[in-house]
């Protein structure tokens, strides 16, 4: 997905689908489970080719 389209449409739905695929009910739970990982790295993981433009 291109940068200009990354935040269009159902981006929240896509984000929560990716969280559930990884076994986390919320974004907070995902981040808390990996406290040593910088937020930008977590965002890149969740947003590969889409939400965060990884």
PDB file of N, CA and C in Angstrom:
ATOM      1  N   UNK A   1       0.848  -1.166   0.000  1.00  0.00           N
ATOM      2  CA  UNK A   1       0.000   0.000   0.000  1.00  0.00           C
ATOM      3  C   UNK A   1       0.898   1.234   0.000  1.00  0.00           C
ATOM      4  N   UNK A   2       0.565   2.207  -0.782  1.00  0.00           N
ATOM      5  CA  UNK A   2       1.385   3.404  -0.872  1.00  0.00           C
ATOM      6  C   UNK A   2       1.186   4.278   0.355  1.00  0.00           C
ATOM      7  N   UNK A   3       2.139   5.174   0.597  1.00  0.00           N
ATOM      8  CA  UNK A   3       2.081   6.046   1.767  1.00  0.00           C
ATOM      9  C   UNK A   3       0.782   6.836   1.842  1.00  0.00           C
ATOM     10  N   UNK A   4       0.342   7.369   0.732  1.00  0.00           N
ATOM     11  CA  UNK A   4      -0.867   8.195   0.765  1.00  0.00           C
ATOM     12  C   UNK A   4      -2.135   7.386   1.030  1.00  0.00           C
ATOM     13  N   UNK A   5      -2.094   6.088   0.856  1.00  0.00           N
ATOM     14  CA  UNK A   5      -3.284   5.263   1.088  1.00  0.00           C
ATOM     15  C   UNK A   5      -3.223   4.503   2.402  1.00  0.00           C
ATOM     16  N   UNK A   6      -2.083   4.518   3.076  1.00  0.00           N
ATOM     17  CA  UNK A   6      -1.890   3.696   4.275  1.00  0.00           C
ATOM     18  C   UNK A   6      -2.929   3.961   5.354  1.00  0.00           C
ATOM     19  N   UNK A   7      -3.344   5.202   5.504  1.00  0.00           N
ATOM     20  CA  UNK A   7      -4.271   5.548   6.584  1.00  0.00           C
ATOM     21  C   UNK A   7      -5.709   5.681   6.096  1.00  0.00           C
ATOM     22  N   UNK A   8      -5.995   5.314   4.870  1.00  0.00           N
ATOM     23  CA  UNK A   8      -7.357   5.382   4.353  1.00  0.00           C
ATOM     24  C   UNK A   8      -8.099   4.099   4.668  1.00  0.00           C
ATOM     25  N   UNK A   9      -9.396   4.177   4.572  1.00  0.00           N
ATOM     26  CA  UNK A   9     -10.214   2.981   4.748  1.00  0.00           C
ATOM     27  C   UNK A   9     -10.250   2.499   6.180  1.00  0.00           C
ATOM     28  N   UNK A  10     -10.274   1.219   6.328  1.00  0.00           N
ATOM     29  CA  UNK A  10     -10.440   0.581   7.631  1.00  0.00           C
ATOM     30  C   UNK A  10      -9.096   0.266   8.287  1.00  0.00           C
ATOM     31  N   UNK A  11      -8.243   1.264   8.466  1.00  0.00           N
ATOM     32  CA  UNK A  11      -6.915   1.012   9.011  1.00  0.00           C
ATOM     33  C   UNK A  11      -6.966   0.485  10.438  1.00  0.00           C
ATOM     34  N   UNK A  12      -7.946   0.939  11.229  1.00  0.00           N
ATOM     35  CA  UNK A  12      -8.060   0.426  12.600  1.00  0.00           C
ATOM     36  C   UNK A  12      -8.417  -1.056  12.591  1.00  0.00           C
ATOM     37  N   UNK A  13      -9.284  -1.438  11.690  1.00  0.00           N
ATOM     38  CA  UNK A  13      -9.667  -2.844  11.569  1.00  0.00           C
ATOM     39  C   UNK A  13      -8.446  -3.673  11.182  1.00  0.00           C
ATOM     40  N   UNK A  14      -7.684  -3.200  10.199  1.00  0.00           N
ATOM     41  CA  UNK A  14      -6.483  -3.928   9.775  1.00  0.00           C
ATOM     42  C   UNK A  14      -5.476  -4.050  10.917  1.00  0.00           C
ATOM     43  N   UNK A  15      -5.314  -2.983  11.677  1.00  0.00           N
ATOM     44  CA  UNK A  15      -4.382  -2.998  12.798  1.00  0.00           C
ATOM     45  C   UNK A  15      -4.798  -4.029  13.839  1.00  0.00           C
ATOM     46  N   UNK A  16      -6.066  -4.033  14.229  1.00  0.00           N
ATOM     47  CA  UNK A  16      -6.525  -4.987  15.241  1.00  0.00           C
ATOM     48  C   UNK A  16      -6.518  -6.421  14.724  1.00  0.00           C
ATOM     49  N   UNK A  17      -6.722  -6.618  13.441  1.00  0.00           N
ATOM     50  CA  UNK A  17      -6.592  -7.964  12.868  1.00  0.00           C
ATOM     51  C   UNK A  17      -5.164  -8.465  13.032  1.00  0.00           C
ATOM     52  N   UNK A  18      -4.207  -7.596  12.784  1.00  0.00           N
ATOM     53  CA  UNK A  18      -2.798  -7.980  12.926  1.00  0.00           C
ATOM     54  C   UNK A  18      -2.443  -8.266  14.374  1.00  0.00           C
ATOM     55  N   UNK A  19      -3.010  -7.500  15.288  1.00  0.00           N
ATOM     56  CA  UNK A  19      -2.779  -7.762  16.710  1.00  0.00           C
ATOM     57  C   UNK A  19      -3.339  -9.121  17.102  1.00  0.00           C
ATOM     58  N   UNK A  20      -4.572  -9.403  16.678  1.00  0.00           N
ATOM     59  CA  UNK A  20      -5.201 -10.691  17.013  1.00  0.00           C
ATOM     60  C   UNK A  20      -4.438 -11.860  16.392  1.00  0.00           C
ATOM     61  N   UNK A  21      -3.928 -11.691  15.192  1.00  0.00           N
ATOM     62  CA  UNK A  21      -3.125 -12.743  14.555  1.00  0.00           C
ATOM     63  C   UNK A  21      -1.906 -13.098  15.399  1.00  0.00           C
ATOM     64  N   UNK A  22      -1.400 -12.120  16.130  1.00  0.00           N
ATOM     65  CA  UNK A  22      -0.222 -12.329  16.972  1.00  0.00           C
ATOM     66  C   UNK A  22      -0.597 -12.714  18.402  1.00  0.00           C
ATOM     67  N   UNK A  23      -1.899 -12.823  18.674  1.00  0.00           N
ATOM     68  CA  UNK A  23      -2.357 -13.259  19.984  1.00  0.00           C
ATOM     69  C   UNK A  23      -2.555 -12.162  21.012  1.00  0.00           C
ATOM     70  N   UNK A  24      -2.672 -10.922  20.577  1.00  0.00           N
ATOM     71  CA  UNK A  24      -2.853  -9.799  21.500  1.00  0.00           C
ATOM     72  C   UNK A  24      -4.226  -9.171  21.298  1.00  0.00           C
ATOM     73  N   UNK A  25      -4.938  -8.909  22.394  1.00  0.00           N
ATOM     74  CA  UNK A  25      -6.268  -8.313  22.271  1.00  0.00           C
ATOM     75  C   UNK A  25      -6.241  -6.806  22.017  1.00  0.00           C
ATOM     76  N   UNK A  26      -5.144  -6.150  22.424  1.00  0.00           N
ATOM     77  CA  UNK A  26      -5.054  -4.696  22.278  1.00  0.00           C
ATOM     78  C   UNK A  26      -3.641  -4.284  21.878  1.00  0.00           C
ATOM     79  N   UNK A  27      -3.535  -3.068  21.404  1.00  0.00           N
ATOM     80  CA  UNK A  27      -2.230  -2.506  21.075  1.00  0.00           C
ATOM     81  C   UNK A  27      -1.387  -2.351  22.342  1.00  0.00           C
ATOM     82  N   UNK A  28      -2.026  -1.985  23.438  1.00  0.00           N
ATOM     83  CA  UNK A  28      -1.321  -1.851  24.711  1.00  0.00           C
ATOM     84  C   UNK A  28      -0.715  -3.177  25.146  1.00  0.00           C
ATOM     85  N   UNK A  29      -1.481  -4.250  25.042  1.00  0.00           N
ATOM     86  CA  UNK A  29      -0.978  -5.575  25.425  1.00  0.00           C
ATOM     87  C   UNK A  29       0.214  -5.971  24.556  1.00  0.00           C
ATOM     88  N   UNK A  30       0.144  -5.663  23.274  1.00  0.00           N
ATOM     89  CA  UNK A  30       1.245  -5.962  22.351  1.00  0.00           C
ATOM     90  C   UNK A  30       2.512  -5.228  22.778  1.00  0.00           C
ATOM     91  N   UNK A  31       2.394  -3.944  23.070  1.00  0.00           N
ATOM     92  CA  UNK A  31       3.556  -3.145  23.463  1.00  0.00           C
ATOM     93  C   UNK A  31       4.083  -3.557  24.835  1.00  0.00           C
ATOM     94  N   UNK A  32       3.185  -3.829  25.775  1.00  0.00           N
ATOM     95  CA  UNK A  32       3.610  -4.222  27.123  1.00  0.00           C
ATOM     96  C   UNK A  32       4.333  -5.562  27.128  1.00  0.00           C
ATOM     97  N   UNK A  33       3.972  -6.443  26.219  1.00  0.00           N
ATOM     98  CA  UNK A  33       4.606  -7.759  26.154  1.00  0.00           C
ATOM     99  C   UNK A  33       6.030  -7.678  25.610  1.00  0.00           C
ATOM    100  N   UNK A  34       6.371  -6.547  25.011  1.00  0.00           N
ATOM    101  CA  UNK A  34       7.692  -6.393  24.385  1.00  0.00           C
ATOM    102  C   UNK A  34       8.302  -5.053  24.797  1.00  0.00           C
ATOM    103  N   UNK A  35       8.542  -4.863  26.101  1.00  0.00           N
ATOM    104  CA  UNK A  35       8.981  -3.553  26.602  1.00  0.00           C
ATOM    105  C   UNK A  35      10.347  -3.090  26.102  1.00  0.00           C
ATOM    106  N   UNK A  36      11.185  -3.992  25.677  1.00  0.00           N
ATOM    107  CA  UNK A  36      12.525  -3.606  25.223  1.00  0.00           C
ATOM    108  C   UNK A  36      12.566  -3.204  23.752  1.00  0.00           C
ATOM    109  N   UNK A  37      11.454  -3.386  23.046  1.00  0.00           N
ATOM    110  CA  UNK A  37      11.413  -3.083  21.614  1.00  0.00           C
ATOM    111  C   UNK A  37      10.944  -1.637  21.424  1.00  0.00           C
ATOM    112  N   UNK A  38      11.691  -0.820  20.697  1.00  0.00           N
ATOM    113  CA  UNK A  38      11.269   0.562  20.446  1.00  0.00           C
ATOM    114  C   UNK A  38       9.919   0.605  19.712  1.00  0.00           C
ATOM    115  N   UNK A  39       9.148   1.638  20.003  1.00  0.00           N
ATOM    116  CA  UNK A  39       7.818   1.754  19.400  1.00  0.00           C
ATOM    117  C   UNK A  39       7.864   1.785  17.878  1.00  0.00           C
ATOM    118  N   UNK A  40       8.867   2.429  17.297  1.00  0.00           N
ATOM    119  CA  UNK A  40       8.914   2.482  15.832  1.00  0.00           C
ATOM    120  C   UNK A  40       9.133   1.090  15.234  1.00  0.00           C
ATOM    121  N   UNK A  41       9.825   0.218  15.948  1.00  0.00           N
ATOM    122  CA  UNK A  41      10.027  -1.149  15.466  1.00  0.00           C
ATOM    123  C   UNK A  41       8.717  -1.930  15.562  1.00  0.00           C
ATOM    124  N   UNK A  42       7.984  -1.742  16.660  1.00  0.00           N
ATOM    125  CA  UNK A  42       6.679  -2.393  16.795  1.00  0.00           C
ATOM    126  C   UNK A  42       5.731  -1.926  15.690  1.00  0.00           C
ATOM    127  N   UNK A  43       5.742  -0.632  15.409  1.00  0.00           N
ATOM    128  CA  UNK A  43       4.883  -0.087  14.355  1.00  0.00           C
ATOM    129  C   UNK A  43       5.240  -0.670  12.996  1.00  0.00           C
ATOM    130  N   UNK A  44       6.523  -0.796  12.724  1.00  0.00           N
ATOM    131  CA  UNK A  44       6.943  -1.375  11.445  1.00  0.00           C
ATOM    132  C   UNK A  44       6.493  -2.825  11.328  1.00  0.00           C
ATOM    133  N   UNK A  45       6.572  -3.561  12.425  1.00  0.00           N
ATOM    134  CA  UNK A  45       6.136  -4.960  12.404  1.00  0.00           C
ATOM    135  C   UNK A  45       4.644  -5.072  12.109  1.00  0.00           C
ATOM    136  N   UNK A  46       3.854  -4.250  12.758  1.00  0.00           N
ATOM    137  CA  UNK A  46       2.402  -4.310  12.561  1.00  0.00           C
ATOM    138  C   UNK A  46       1.975  -3.711  11.230  1.00  0.00           C
ATOM    139  N   UNK A  47       2.728  -2.756  10.731  1.00  0.00           N
ATOM    140  CA  UNK A  47       2.296  -2.033   9.548  1.00  0.00           C
ATOM    141  C   UNK A  47       3.034  -2.351   8.278  1.00  0.00           C
ATOM    142  N   UNK A  48       3.694  -3.494   8.223  1.00  0.00           N
ATOM    143  CA  UNK A  48       4.420  -3.839   7.001  1.00  0.00           C
ATOM    144  C   UNK A  48       3.530  -3.684   5.776  1.00  0.00           C
ATOM    145  N   UNK A  49       3.995  -2.894   4.824  1.00  0.00           N
ATOM    146  CA  UNK A  49       3.294  -2.678   3.546  1.00  0.00           C
ATOM    147  C   UNK A  49       1.882  -2.139   3.703  1.00  0.00           C
ATOM    148  N   UNK A  50       1.600  -1.487   4.838  1.00  0.00           N
ATOM    149  CA  UNK A  50       0.231  -1.020   5.019  1.00  0.00           C
ATOM    150  C   UNK A  50       0.152   0.122   6.016  1.00  0.00           C
ATOM    151  N   UNK A  51      -0.210  -0.177   7.229  1.00  0.00           N
ATOM    152  CA  UNK A  51      -0.558   0.835   8.218  1.00  0.00           C
ATOM    153  C   UNK A  51       0.582   1.806   8.493  1.00  0.00           C
ATOM    154  N   UNK A  52       1.761   1.296   8.815  1.00  0.00           N
ATOM    155  CA  UNK A  52       2.890   2.174   9.124  1.00  0.00           C
ATOM    156  C   UNK A  52       3.831   2.342   7.939  1.00  0.00           C
ATOM    157  N   UNK A  53       3.521   1.691   6.850  1.00  0.00           N
ATOM    158  CA  UNK A  53       4.321   1.848   5.644  1.00  0.00           C
ATOM    159  C   UNK A  53       5.661   1.148   5.661  1.00  0.00           C
ATOM    160  N   UNK A  54       5.802   0.069   6.448  1.00  0.00           N
ATOM    161  CA  UNK A  54       7.048  -0.665   6.622  1.00  0.00           C
ATOM    162  C   UNK A  54       7.847  -0.944   5.462  1.00  0.00           C
TER     163      UNK A  54
END
